[in-house]
Amino acid sequence: MIAIDGTSASGKSTNARLVAQALGFIYVDTGAMYRTLAWHALQKKIDVHDPKAVAGLCRRWKTNLECFEHKVRLLVDGYYPQKEIRTVAVTEAVPHVAAVAQVRQWMKEKQRSCLRFGNLVMEGRDIGTNVFPETDFKFYLDASLDERAKRRAAEGVQENLAARDQRDSQRAAAPLMIALGAVVINNSDLTPEQTSGMILERVRARLGPG
C-alpha cells in the first residue's frame, strides 16, 4: 500500500495515477470521496457549515465502493457523480465537509476497506498519518504556492490555496501534516514523470526484484 499525501495542487492525483499504472496497483482518490459527500450535501440542501448536519447526513447516506478500470469509486445510491463533484460549488464546500471529525472517521473506515480490491496507491491529506500509518511507503508532495496557483489556473480553477492550506493543517480532525517516515518531494520544478519516477525508484528499491 502506497500513501501519497500533500497540499492542494501538489500533483497528488497525477502522480498517484502514474505510480499505480506503472505498478499495476489500484488507484484511490480519497479527495473524490470527500467531494462526493460535499456534492450529496448540496443536493440535499444541507448546510455544509453545520458539522452536526453534515455528520448526520454521512451516517444516513447509502453508498458502496466499486473498482472500475483499476480505480476505486464511491457510489451514492448506485450512482457515481464523476462530473458533478468537480464543480466550483463542490470545490468551495468540500473543505468544510472534510473538517468534520465524524466524516473523517467514516471515510477512514471506507478507505481502509479498499484493501479488498488489492494493492493500492492512495492519495489524500491524511493517508500516511491517519488512514494507513502502518504502511512502509509514505510520500508527501509539495510545491511553491506560486507554482500550485499556476497549476490550478491551468485547470480553470480559482482557489485560495493559502487559505486551504491553513484550514487543512489547523483542523482538529486528522490535520494535514508530514507523516512520520514520509519521503518529502518538492516538485515545483519537476514534471509529473520525474516526480512519479522518484516515487517508483524508492518503492522498487524496497520491494526488490519482482
Protein backbone atom coordinates (compact mmCIF):
# COMPACT_ATOMS: atom_id res chain seq x y z
CA MET A 1 0.00 0.00 0.00
CA ILE A 2 1.49 3.34 -1.10
CA ALA A 3 0.35 6.56 0.59
CA ILE A 4 0.75 9.87 -1.23
CA ASP A 5 -0.21 12.95 0.77
CA GLY A 6 0.32 16.61 0.10
CA THR A 7 -1.03 20.10 -0.33
CA SER A 8 -3.61 21.20 -2.89
CA ALA A 9 -2.28 21.22 -6.47
CA SER A 10 0.92 19.46 -5.45
CA GLY A 11 0.33 16.77 -8.06
CA LYS A 12 -1.02 14.05 -5.78
CA SER A 13 -3.66 12.77 -8.20
CA THR A 14 -1.50 12.87 -11.31
CA ASN A 15 1.42 11.13 -9.67
CA ALA A 16 -0.69 8.58 -7.82
CA ARG A 17 -2.27 7.57 -11.13
CA LEU A 18 1.14 7.30 -12.82
CA VAL A 19 2.56 5.19 -9.99
CA ALA A 20 -0.50 2.94 -9.90
CA GLN A 21 -0.34 2.39 -13.65
CA ALA A 22 3.38 1.60 -13.56
CA LEU A 23 2.99 -0.97 -10.79
CA GLY A 24 -0.39 -2.40 -11.79
CA PHE A 25 -1.88 -1.23 -8.48
CA ILE A 26 -5.37 0.11 -7.74
CA TYR A 27 -5.69 3.91 -7.63
CA VAL A 28 -7.73 5.52 -4.84
CA ASP A 29 -8.54 9.25 -4.91
CA THR A 30 -9.77 9.98 -1.38
CA GLY A 31 -10.41 13.60 -2.27
CA ALA A 32 -13.10 12.41 -4.67
CA MET A 33 -14.79 10.66 -1.76
CA TYR A 34 -14.99 13.88 0.25
CA ARG A 35 -16.17 15.70 -2.87
CA THR A 36 -18.91 13.12 -3.31
CA LEU A 37 -20.19 13.79 0.21
CA ALA A 38 -19.99 17.55 -0.37
CA TRP A 39 -21.96 17.14 -3.62
CA HIS A 40 -24.55 14.98 -1.84
CA ALA A 41 -24.89 17.57 0.94
CA LEU A 42 -25.55 20.31 -1.60
CA GLN A 43 -28.08 18.09 -3.37
CA LYS A 44 -29.90 17.50 -0.08
CA LYS A 45 -29.78 21.21 0.84
CA ILE A 46 -27.61 20.51 3.88
CA ASP A 47 -25.72 23.47 5.33
CA VAL A 48 -22.07 22.43 4.89
CA HIS A 49 -21.10 24.89 7.64
CA ASP A 50 -23.19 22.86 10.15
CA PRO A 51 -20.99 19.98 11.38
CA LYS A 52 -23.87 18.16 13.07
CA ALA A 53 -25.99 18.25 9.92
CA VAL A 54 -23.10 17.03 7.77
CA ALA A 55 -22.26 14.24 10.24
CA GLY A 56 -25.91 13.18 10.28
CA LEU A 57 -26.01 13.01 6.50
CA CYS A 58 -22.81 10.95 6.45
CA ARG A 59 -24.41 8.41 8.81
CA ARG A 60 -27.52 8.12 6.65
CA TRP A 61 -26.41 8.13 3.03
CA LYS A 62 -26.42 4.87 1.08
CA THR A 63 -23.07 4.21 -0.52
CA ASN A 64 -20.92 1.43 -1.89
CA LEU A 65 -17.41 1.12 -3.23
CA GLU A 66 -16.58 -0.34 -6.62
CA CYS A 67 -13.35 -0.89 -8.51
CA PHE A 68 -13.74 0.25 -12.10
CA GLU A 69 -10.81 0.18 -14.53
CA HIS A 70 -8.31 -0.11 -11.65
CA LYS A 71 -9.81 2.89 -9.84
CA VAL A 72 -11.94 2.83 -6.69
CA ARG A 73 -15.12 4.89 -6.83
CA LEU A 74 -17.63 5.80 -4.12
CA LEU A 75 -21.19 5.46 -5.42
CA VAL A 76 -24.24 7.13 -3.89
CA ASP A 77 -27.45 5.18 -4.39
CA GLY A 78 -25.60 3.28 -7.11
CA TYR A 79 -24.51 6.45 -8.94
CA TYR A 80 -21.02 7.94 -9.33
CA PRO A 81 -21.19 11.75 -9.85
CA GLN A 82 -17.96 11.94 -11.84
CA LYS A 83 -18.52 15.39 -13.38
CA GLU A 84 -20.69 16.86 -10.66
CA ILE A 85 -18.04 16.61 -7.95
CA ARG A 86 -15.66 18.85 -9.93
CA THR A 87 -17.87 21.95 -9.92
CA VAL A 88 -16.91 25.23 -8.26
CA ALA A 89 -19.70 24.83 -5.70
CA VAL A 90 -18.39 21.46 -4.59
CA THR A 91 -14.80 22.73 -4.51
CA GLU A 92 -15.89 25.51 -2.16
CA ALA A 93 -17.94 23.16 0.04
CA VAL A 94 -15.54 20.28 0.43
CA PRO A 95 -13.09 21.83 2.96
CA HIS A 96 -15.97 22.40 5.38
CA VAL A 97 -17.29 18.87 4.96
CA ALA A 98 -13.82 17.37 5.29
CA ALA A 99 -13.19 19.15 8.60
CA VAL A 100 -15.98 17.25 10.41
CA ALA A 101 -14.46 14.65 12.75
CA GLN A 102 -17.28 12.12 12.25
CA VAL A 103 -16.89 12.41 8.49
CA ARG A 104 -13.17 11.73 8.66
CA GLN A 105 -13.75 8.65 10.82
CA TRP A 106 -16.37 7.35 8.38
CA MET A 107 -14.03 7.99 5.46
CA LYS A 108 -11.13 6.29 7.24
CA GLU A 109 -13.13 3.09 7.61
CA LYS A 110 -14.23 3.19 3.96
CA GLN A 111 -10.73 3.91 2.74
CA ARG A 112 -9.17 1.11 4.77
CA SER A 113 -11.77 -1.28 3.35
CA CYS A 114 -10.37 -0.57 -0.13
CA LEU A 115 -7.66 -3.13 0.61
CA ARG A 116 -10.08 -5.81 -0.54
CA PHE A 117 -9.51 -4.63 -4.10
CA GLY A 118 -5.77 -5.41 -4.00
CA ASN A 119 -2.54 -3.39 -3.81
CA LEU A 120 -3.32 0.31 -3.53
CA VAL A 121 -1.87 3.70 -4.34
CA MET A 122 -3.97 6.03 -2.20
CA GLU A 123 -3.66 9.79 -2.28
CA GLY A 124 -5.07 12.40 0.04
CA ARG A 125 -4.14 14.56 3.01
CA ASP A 126 -4.04 12.12 5.92
CA ILE A 127 -3.27 8.73 4.39
CA GLY A 128 0.18 8.27 5.92
CA THR A 129 -0.74 9.92 9.22
CA ASN A 130 -4.26 8.59 9.86
CA VAL A 131 -5.64 6.09 7.36
CA PHE A 132 -2.63 3.81 6.79
CA PRO A 133 0.06 4.96 9.25
CA GLU A 134 1.50 1.43 9.24
CA THR A 135 2.46 1.43 5.56
CA ASP A 136 6.16 1.34 4.65
CA PHE A 137 5.57 3.58 1.63
CA LYS A 138 4.74 7.17 2.58
CA PHE A 139 5.28 10.17 0.36
CA TYR A 140 4.45 13.84 0.87
CA LEU A 141 4.27 16.11 -2.18
CA ASP A 142 4.51 19.87 -2.10
CA ALA A 143 5.35 22.80 -4.38
CA SER A 144 5.64 26.55 -4.04
CA LEU A 145 2.41 28.49 -3.62
CA ASP A 146 3.01 30.30 -6.93
CA GLU A 147 3.52 27.05 -8.81
CA ARG A 148 0.45 25.47 -7.29
CA ALA A 149 -1.62 28.53 -8.13
CA LYS A 150 -0.44 28.28 -11.75
CA ARG A 151 -1.49 24.64 -11.88
CA ARG A 152 -4.94 25.44 -10.54
CA ALA A 153 -5.33 28.31 -13.02
CA ALA A 154 -4.36 25.98 -15.87
CA GLU A 155 -7.24 23.75 -14.79
CA GLY A 156 -9.60 26.71 -14.92
CA VAL A 157 -9.99 26.73 -11.14
CA GLN A 158 -9.64 29.77 -8.91
CA GLU A 159 -8.89 28.70 -5.34
CA ASN A 160 -7.33 30.46 -2.38
CA LEU A 161 -4.64 27.86 -1.78
CA ALA A 162 -3.07 29.64 1.18
CA ALA A 163 -6.42 29.64 2.98
CA ARG A 164 -6.99 25.98 2.07
CA ASP A 165 -3.54 25.05 3.38
CA GLN A 166 -4.31 26.81 6.64
CA ARG A 167 -7.69 25.10 7.05
CA ASP A 168 -6.24 21.68 6.25
CA SER A 169 -3.28 22.00 8.62
CA GLN A 170 -5.23 23.52 11.51
CA ARG A 171 -8.36 21.38 11.56
CA ALA A 172 -8.80 19.32 14.72
CA ALA A 173 -9.53 16.04 12.94
CA ALA A 174 -6.62 14.41 11.07
CA PRO A 175 -4.88 17.65 10.03
CA LEU A 176 -2.59 17.82 7.03
CA MET A 177 0.97 17.11 8.13
CA ILE A 178 4.01 15.16 7.03
CA ALA A 179 3.74 11.56 8.20
CA LEU A 180 6.49 10.03 10.29
CA GLY A 181 8.98 8.46 7.92
CA ALA A 182 7.49 10.03 4.79
CA VAL A 183 9.68 10.96 1.83
CA VAL A 184 9.10 14.66 1.08
CA ILE A 185 9.24 15.71 -2.58
CA ASN A 186 9.04 19.35 -3.61
CA ASN A 187 8.09 19.16 -7.27
CA SER A 188 7.94 22.87 -8.07
CA ASP A 189 10.45 22.37 -10.89
CA LEU A 190 9.68 18.74 -11.71
CA THR A 191 7.44 17.15 -14.32
CA PRO A 192 4.91 14.51 -13.24
CA GLU A 193 7.10 11.89 -14.90
CA GLN A 194 10.09 13.00 -12.85
CA THR A 195 8.10 13.08 -9.62
CA SER A 196 6.46 9.70 -10.15
CA GLY A 197 9.85 8.33 -11.21
CA MET A 198 11.31 9.30 -7.85
CA ILE A 199 8.47 7.56 -6.06
CA LEU A 200 8.77 4.44 -8.19
CA GLU A 201 12.52 4.27 -7.69
CA ARG A 202 12.12 4.20 -3.91
CA VAL A 203 9.23 1.73 -3.97
CA ARG A 204 11.00 -0.69 -6.32
CA ALA A 205 14.21 -0.49 -4.32
CA ARG A 206 12.33 -1.56 -1.23
CA LEU A 207 10.20 -4.20 -2.92
CA GLY A 208 13.21 -5.76 -4.55
CA PRO A 209 13.25 -7.98 -7.68
CA GLY A 210 9.79 -8.99 -8.94
